């Protein structure tokens, strides 16, 4: 006899784990260059562990009832998670954080001789200026990071614009690092939470259609 499919709440649990995995990966990567992503990374890890435990409990409960998660439901949940989290990250990061990470990674490749000195890389400054032409692109690049940048400027701290330069970022002094990690990091986590909350109506709609 063919087992019945699990309810939509189980697909929602899978979606939460997938979204948490994407968020943790992104924040962990950014924290290697941007100190203020340490707290968001820690929070993402805690939420992922929580959601993972909830999913495990749900699967055990479903198994006891003769139900199971179908591969189709898991695949659908993962695709939904990637789509939602992709949009959230696009809005939250405003691209400048990704550019800083890419620039830092390129510098590391040069320093370790993995990439030759003659290799061409993107002029990030030009690319960034080119992206901000037009009101819509401005909103998707500078506006999302404005609260964090304003806080950093008010405290006299590095912003994403210069954090990858020598002597900045993780190479800054202890006092500045402490403010970046604790004060700015808390603000970054709050911004992410607010934007994540904005995606809740979409998730509710997905769950209601899946019932």
C-alpha atoms as a PDB file:
ATOM      1  CA  UNK A   1       0.000   0.000   0.000  1.00  0.00           C
ATOM      2  CA  UNK A   2       1.359   3.436  -0.941  1.00  0.00           C
ATOM      3  CA  UNK A   3       2.119   5.734   1.969  1.00  0.00           C
ATOM      4  CA  UNK A   4       0.224   9.000   2.215  1.00  0.00           C
ATOM      5  CA  UNK A   5       1.980  12.282   1.669  1.00  0.00           C
ATOM      6  CA  UNK A   6       3.011  14.481   4.578  1.00  0.00           C
ATOM      7  CA  UNK A   7       1.029  17.675   5.282  1.00  0.00           C
ATOM      8  CA  UNK A   8       2.141  21.107   4.083  1.00  0.00           C
ATOM      9  CA  UNK A   9       3.518  21.921   7.549  1.00  0.00           C
ATOM     10  CA  UNK A  10       6.289  19.418   6.887  1.00  0.00           C
ATOM     11  CA  UNK A  11       7.148  21.066   3.581  1.00  0.00           C
ATOM     12  CA  UNK A  12       7.238  24.358   5.459  1.00  0.00           C
ATOM     13  CA  UNK A  13       9.724  22.842   7.910  1.00  0.00           C
ATOM     14  CA  UNK A  14      11.947  21.721   5.028  1.00  0.00           C
ATOM     15  CA  UNK A  15      11.694  25.207   3.521  1.00  0.00           C
ATOM     16  CA  UNK A  16      12.792  26.783   6.809  1.00  0.00           C
ATOM     17  CA  UNK A  17      15.847  24.543   6.983  1.00  0.00           C
ATOM     18  CA  UNK A  18      16.765  25.298   3.371  1.00  0.00           C
ATOM     19  CA  UNK A  19      16.345  29.048   3.886  1.00  0.00           C
ATOM     20  CA  UNK A  20      18.389  28.850   7.065  1.00  0.00           C
ATOM     21  CA  UNK A  21      21.174  27.003   5.266  1.00  0.00           C
ATOM     22  CA  UNK A  22      21.356  29.636   2.528  1.00  0.00           C
ATOM     23  CA  UNK A  23      21.310  32.465   5.056  1.00  0.00           C
ATOM     24  CA  UNK A  24      24.012  30.878   7.202  1.00  0.00           C
ATOM     25  CA  UNK A  25      26.260  30.245   4.203  1.00  0.00           C
ATOM     26  CA  UNK A  26      25.919  33.834   2.961  1.00  0.00           C
ATOM     27  CA  UNK A  27      26.455  35.423   6.365  1.00  0.00           C
ATOM     28  CA  UNK A  28      29.425  33.192   7.175  1.00  0.00           C
ATOM     29  CA  UNK A  29      31.088  34.071   3.861  1.00  0.00           C
ATOM     30  CA  UNK A  30      30.483  37.804   4.375  1.00  0.00           C
ATOM     31  CA  UNK A  31      31.766  37.665   7.960  1.00  0.00           C
ATOM     32  CA  UNK A  32      35.224  36.732   6.673  1.00  0.00           C
ATOM     33  CA  UNK A  33      35.483  40.283   5.273  1.00  0.00           C
ATOM     34  CA  UNK A  34      32.802  42.271   7.111  1.00  0.00           C
ATOM     35  CA  UNK A  35      33.106  41.976  10.925  1.00  0.00           C
ATOM     36  CA  UNK A  36      29.526  43.106  11.529  1.00  0.00           C
ATOM     37  CA  UNK A  37      28.215  39.855  10.029  1.00  0.00           C
ATOM     38  CA  UNK A  38      29.479  37.785  12.983  1.00  0.00           C
ATOM     39  CA  UNK A  39      26.288  38.238  15.030  1.00  0.00           C
ATOM     40  CA  UNK A  40      23.980  37.562  12.044  1.00  0.00           C
ATOM     41  CA  UNK A  41      26.043  34.417  11.355  1.00  0.00           C
ATOM     42  CA  UNK A  42      25.683  33.221  14.953  1.00  0.00           C
ATOM     43  CA  UNK A  43      21.937  33.914  14.914  1.00  0.00           C
ATOM     44  CA  UNK A  44      21.567  32.122  11.568  1.00  0.00           C
ATOM     45  CA  UNK A  45      23.361  29.096  13.006  1.00  0.00           C
ATOM     46  CA  UNK A  46      21.117  29.055  16.069  1.00  0.00           C
ATOM     47  CA  UNK A  47      17.949  29.300  13.964  1.00  0.00           C
ATOM     48  CA  UNK A  48      19.153  26.574  11.605  1.00  0.00           C
ATOM     49  CA  UNK A  49      19.851  24.221  14.525  1.00  0.00           C
ATOM     50  CA  UNK A  50      16.389  24.969  15.942  1.00  0.00           C
ATOM     51  CA  UNK A  51      14.634  24.389  12.614  1.00  0.00           C
ATOM     52  CA  UNK A  52      16.668  21.247  11.991  1.00  0.00           C
ATOM     53  CA  UNK A  53      15.537  19.792  15.306  1.00  0.00           C
ATOM     54  CA  UNK A  54      11.914  20.697  14.552  1.00  0.00           C
ATOM     55  CA  UNK A  55      12.120  18.981  11.182  1.00  0.00           C
ATOM     56  CA  UNK A  56      13.622  15.861  12.743  1.00  0.00           C
ATOM     57  CA  UNK A  57      10.825  15.712  15.325  1.00  0.00           C
ATOM     58  CA  UNK A  58       8.207  16.186  12.625  1.00  0.00           C
ATOM     59  CA  UNK A  59       9.652  13.417  10.486  1.00  0.00           C
ATOM     60  CA  UNK A  60       9.663  11.013  13.434  1.00  0.00           C
ATOM     61  CA  UNK A  61       6.056  11.912  14.231  1.00  0.00           C
ATOM     62  CA  UNK A  62       5.010  11.467  10.610  1.00  0.00           C
ATOM     63  CA  UNK A  63       6.793   8.125  10.381  1.00  0.00           C
ATOM     64  CA  UNK A  64       4.886   6.907  13.425  1.00  0.00           C
ATOM     65  CA  UNK A  65       1.660   7.850  11.616  1.00  0.00           C
ATOM     66  CA  UNK A  66       2.657   6.063   8.429  1.00  0.00           C
ATOM     67  CA  UNK A  67       3.323   9.307   6.576  1.00  0.00           C
ATOM     68  CA  UNK A  68       6.444  10.523   4.814  1.00  0.00           C
ATOM     69  CA  UNK A  69       7.868  13.466   2.943  1.00  0.00           C
ATOM     70  CA  UNK A  70       7.882  12.850  -0.783  1.00  0.00           C
ATOM     71  CA  UNK A  71      10.897  13.849  -2.829  1.00  0.00           C
ATOM     72  CA  UNK A  72       8.615  16.086  -4.874  1.00  0.00           C
ATOM     73  CA  UNK A  73       7.563  17.980  -1.735  1.00  0.00           C
ATOM     74  CA  UNK A  74      11.181  18.307  -0.577  1.00  0.00           C
ATOM     75  CA  UNK A  75      12.277  19.586  -3.992  1.00  0.00           C
ATOM     76  CA  UNK A  76       9.415  22.073  -4.094  1.00  0.00           C
ATOM     77  CA  UNK A  77      10.260  23.340  -0.604  1.00  0.00           C
ATOM     78  CA  UNK A  78      13.928  23.795  -1.506  1.00  0.00           C
ATOM     79  CA  UNK A  79      13.081  25.683  -4.719  1.00  0.00           C
ATOM     80  CA  UNK A  80      10.695  27.933  -2.773  1.00  0.00           C
ATOM     81  CA  UNK A  81      13.372  28.566  -0.157  1.00  0.00           C
ATOM     82  CA  UNK A  82      16.008  29.476  -2.727  1.00  0.00           C
ATOM     83  CA  UNK A  83      13.619  31.855  -4.498  1.00  0.00           C
ATOM     84  CA  UNK A  84      12.490  33.609  -1.313  1.00  0.00           C
ATOM     85  CA  UNK A  85      15.938  33.808   0.275  1.00  0.00           C
ATOM     86  CA  UNK A  86      17.474  34.946  -2.998  1.00  0.00           C
ATOM     87  CA  UNK A  87      15.139  37.937  -3.152  1.00  0.00           C
ATOM     88  CA  UNK A  88      15.634  38.704   0.550  1.00  0.00           C
ATOM     89  CA  UNK A  89      19.426  38.639   0.194  1.00  0.00           C
ATOM     90  CA  UNK A  90      19.262  40.769  -2.949  1.00  0.00           C
ATOM     91  CA  UNK A  91      17.353  43.428  -1.017  1.00  0.00           C
ATOM     92  CA  UNK A  92      19.241  43.080   2.285  1.00  0.00           C
ATOM     93  CA  UNK A  93      22.783  43.158   0.956  1.00  0.00           C
ATOM     94  CA  UNK A  94      22.296  45.727  -1.774  1.00  0.00           C
ATOM     95  CA  UNK A  95      25.188  44.094  -3.683  1.00  0.00           C
ATOM     96  CA  UNK A  96      27.941  46.235  -2.137  1.00  0.00           C
ATOM     97  CA  UNK A  97      28.673  43.577   0.502  1.00  0.00           C
ATOM     98  CA  UNK A  98      29.014  40.950  -2.229  1.00  0.00           C
ATOM     99  CA  UNK A  99      31.375  43.235  -4.146  1.00  0.00           C
ATOM    100  CA  UNK A 100      33.528  43.723  -1.050  1.00  0.00           C
ATOM    101  CA  UNK A 101      33.698  39.962  -0.516  1.00  0.00           C
ATOM    102  CA  UNK A 102      34.597  39.362  -4.173  1.00  0.00           C
ATOM    103  CA  UNK A 103      37.289  42.050  -4.091  1.00  0.00           C
ATOM    104  CA  UNK A 104      38.793  40.564  -0.929  1.00  0.00           C
ATOM    105  CA  UNK A 105      38.739  37.084  -2.445  1.00  0.00           C
ATOM    106  CA  UNK A 106      40.513  38.382  -5.560  1.00  0.00           C
ATOM    107  CA  UNK A 107      43.188  40.002  -3.393  1.00  0.00           C
ATOM    108  CA  UNK A 108      43.734  36.719  -1.551  1.00  0.00           C
ATOM    109  CA  UNK A 109      44.159  34.896  -4.857  1.00  0.00           C
ATOM    110  CA  UNK A 110      46.774  37.439  -5.924  1.00  0.00           C
ATOM    111  CA  UNK A 111      48.653  37.242  -2.621  1.00  0.00           C
ATOM    112  CA  UNK A 112      48.867  33.449  -2.722  1.00  0.00           C
ATOM    113  CA  UNK A 113      49.882  33.360  -6.377  1.00  0.00           C
ATOM    114  CA  UNK A 114      46.766  31.448  -7.419  1.00  0.00           C
ATOM    115  CA  UNK A 115      45.900  34.177  -9.915  1.00  0.00           C
ATOM    116  CA  UNK A 116      48.630  35.810 -11.955  1.00  0.00           C
ATOM    117  CA  UNK A 117      49.373  39.505 -11.610  1.00  0.00           C
ATOM    118  CA  UNK A 118      48.420  40.066 -15.253  1.00  0.00           C
ATOM    119  CA  UNK A 119      44.921  38.657 -14.819  1.00  0.00           C
ATOM    120  CA  UNK A 120      42.180  41.186 -15.404  1.00  0.00           C
ATOM    121  CA  UNK A 121      39.620  41.728 -12.685  1.00  0.00           C
ATOM    122  CA  UNK A 122      36.546  43.915 -12.594  1.00  0.00           C
ATOM    123  CA  UNK A 123      37.030  47.527 -11.597  1.00  0.00           C
ATOM    124  CA  UNK A 124      34.595  47.353  -8.705  1.00  0.00           C
ATOM    125  CA  UNK A 125      34.407  51.116  -8.291  1.00  0.00           C
ATOM    126  CA  UNK A 126      33.348  51.596 -11.911  1.00  0.00           C
ATOM    127  CA  UNK A 127      30.937  48.678 -11.756  1.00  0.00           C
ATOM    128  CA  UNK A 128      29.352  50.056  -8.593  1.00  0.00           C
ATOM    129  CA  UNK A 129      28.915  53.537 -10.089  1.00  0.00           C
ATOM    130  CA  UNK A 130      27.474  52.011 -13.244  1.00  0.00           C
ATOM    131  CA  UNK A 131      24.948  49.991 -11.225  1.00  0.00           C
ATOM    132  CA  UNK A 132      23.634  52.989  -9.353  1.00  0.00           C
ATOM    133  CA  UNK A 133      22.497  54.797 -12.500  1.00  0.00           C
ATOM    134  CA  UNK A 134      18.719  55.133 -12.342  1.00  0.00           C
ATOM    135  CA  UNK A 135      16.364  55.324  -9.382  1.00  0.00           C
ATOM    136  CA  UNK A 136      15.464  51.629  -9.264  1.00  0.00           C
ATOM    137  CA  UNK A 137      19.063  50.441  -9.242  1.00  0.00           C
ATOM    138  CA  UNK A 138      19.846  53.037  -6.601  1.00  0.00           C
ATOM    139  CA  UNK A 139      17.131  51.586  -4.383  1.00  0.00           C
ATOM    140  CA  UNK A 140      18.515  48.065  -4.824  1.00  0.00           C
ATOM    141  CA  UNK A 141      22.114  49.016  -4.085  1.00  0.00           C
ATOM    142  CA  UNK A 142      22.543  51.921  -1.689  1.00  0.00           C
ATOM    143  CA  UNK A 143      19.167  52.223   0.052  1.00  0.00           C
ATOM    144  CA  UNK A 144      19.099  48.788   1.781  1.00  0.00           C
ATOM    145  CA  UNK A 145      22.519  49.378   3.355  1.00  0.00           C
ATOM    146  CA  UNK A 146      21.850  53.004   4.278  1.00  0.00           C
ATOM    147  CA  UNK A 147      20.912  52.349   7.964  1.00  0.00           C
ATOM    148  CA  UNK A 148      24.094  50.359   8.551  1.00  0.00           C
ATOM    149  CA  UNK A 149      26.302  52.822   6.671  1.00  0.00           C
ATOM    150  CA  UNK A 150      24.767  55.758   8.567  1.00  0.00           C
ATOM    151  CA  UNK A 151      25.407  54.034  11.895  1.00  0.00           C
ATOM    152  CA  UNK A 152      29.011  53.298  10.964  1.00  0.00           C
ATOM    153  CA  UNK A 153      29.635  56.853   9.766  1.00  0.00           C
ATOM    154  CA  UNK A 154      28.089  58.236  12.953  1.00  0.00           C
ATOM    155  CA  UNK A 155      30.441  56.101  15.052  1.00  0.00           C
ATOM    156  CA  UNK A 156      33.438  56.919  12.855  1.00  0.00           C
ATOM    157  CA  UNK A 157      33.795  53.278  11.747  1.00  0.00           C
ATOM    158  CA  UNK A 158      34.713  51.655   8.451  1.00  0.00           C
ATOM    159  CA  UNK A 159      31.896  51.126   5.977  1.00  0.00           C
ATOM    160  CA  UNK A 160      31.676  48.526   3.231  1.00  0.00           C
ATOM    161  CA  UNK A 161      33.272  51.070   0.891  1.00  0.00           C
ATOM    162  CA  UNK A 162      36.699  50.821   2.550  1.00  0.00           C
ATOM    163  CA  UNK A 163      36.545  47.728   4.732  1.00  0.00           C
ATOM    164  CA  UNK A 164      38.596  45.606   2.304  1.00  0.00           C
ATOM    165  CA  UNK A 165      41.522  48.012   2.289  1.00  0.00           C
ATOM    166  CA  UNK A 166      44.731  47.213   4.225  1.00  0.00           C
ATOM    167  CA  UNK A 167      44.459  48.196   7.890  1.00  0.00           C
ATOM    168  CA  UNK A 168      40.664  48.122   7.816  1.00  0.00           C
ATOM    169  CA  UNK A 169      38.005  45.473   8.380  1.00  0.00           C
ATOM    170  CA  UNK A 170      39.395  42.653  10.510  1.00  0.00           C
ATOM    171  CA  UNK A 171      42.741  44.456  10.600  1.00  0.00           C
ATOM    172  CA  UNK A 172      41.273  47.472  12.412  1.00  0.00           C
ATOM    173  CA  UNK A 173      41.970  48.247  16.064  1.00  0.00           C
ATOM    174  CA  UNK A 174      40.396  46.287  18.904  1.00  0.00           C
ATOM    175  CA  UNK A 175      38.024  49.086  19.959  1.00  0.00           C
ATOM    176  CA  UNK A 176      36.706  49.563  16.426  1.00  0.00           C
ATOM    177  CA  UNK A 177      36.339  45.822  15.891  1.00  0.00           C
ATOM    178  CA  UNK A 178      34.321  45.531  19.092  1.00  0.00           C
ATOM    179  CA  UNK A 179      31.914  48.230  17.908  1.00  0.00           C
ATOM    180  CA  UNK A 180      31.645  46.701  14.446  1.00  0.00           C
ATOM    181  CA  UNK A 181      30.921  43.225  15.806  1.00  0.00           C
ATOM    182  CA  UNK A 182      28.571  44.151  18.670  1.00  0.00           C
ATOM    183  CA  UNK A 183      26.899  47.474  17.786  1.00  0.00           C
ATOM    184  CA  UNK A 184      26.829  47.332  13.991  1.00  0.00           C
ATOM    185  CA  UNK A 185      26.360  43.554  14.034  1.00  0.00           C
ATOM    186  CA  UNK A 186      23.235  43.885  16.175  1.00  0.00           C
ATOM    187  CA  UNK A 187      21.863  46.511  13.789  1.00  0.00           C
ATOM    188  CA  UNK A 188      22.625  44.285  10.779  1.00  0.00           C
ATOM    189  CA  UNK A 189      20.800  41.385  12.417  1.00  0.00           C
ATOM    190  CA  UNK A 190      17.801  43.663  13.063  1.00  0.00           C
ATOM    191  CA  UNK A 191      17.713  44.802   9.429  1.00  0.00           C
ATOM    192  CA  UNK A 192      17.788  41.181   8.261  1.00  0.00           C
ATOM    193  CA  UNK A 193      15.000  40.289  10.680  1.00  0.00           C
ATOM    194  CA  UNK A 194      12.790  43.119   9.415  1.00  0.00           C
ATOM    195  CA  UNK A 195      13.291  42.167   5.766  1.00  0.00           C
ATOM    196  CA  UNK A 196      12.781  38.463   6.555  1.00  0.00           C
ATOM    197  CA  UNK A 197       9.495  39.377   8.238  1.00  0.00           C
ATOM    198  CA  UNK A 198       8.390  41.126   5.063  1.00  0.00           C
ATOM    199  CA  UNK A 199       8.534  37.763   3.269  1.00  0.00           C
ATOM    200  CA  UNK A 200       6.098  36.126   5.720  1.00  0.00           C
ATOM    201  CA  UNK A 201       2.954  36.856   3.633  1.00  0.00           C
ATOM    202  CA  UNK A 202       4.535  35.031   0.691  1.00  0.00           C
ATOM    203  CA  UNK A 203       5.310  32.034   2.887  1.00  0.00           C
ATOM    204  CA  UNK A 204       1.762  32.015   4.281  1.00  0.00           C
ATOM    205  CA  UNK A 205       0.385  31.983   0.743  1.00  0.00           C
ATOM    206  CA  UNK A 206       2.659  29.084  -0.232  1.00  0.00           C
ATOM    207  CA  UNK A 207       1.521  27.081   2.782  1.00  0.00           C
ATOM    208  CA  UNK A 208      -2.160  27.804   2.155  1.00  0.00           C
ATOM    209  CA  UNK A 209      -1.912  26.644  -1.477  1.00  0.00           C
ATOM    210  CA  UNK A 210      -0.111  23.516  -0.387  1.00  0.00           C
ATOM    211  CA  UNK A 211      -2.894  22.324   1.883  1.00  0.00           C
END
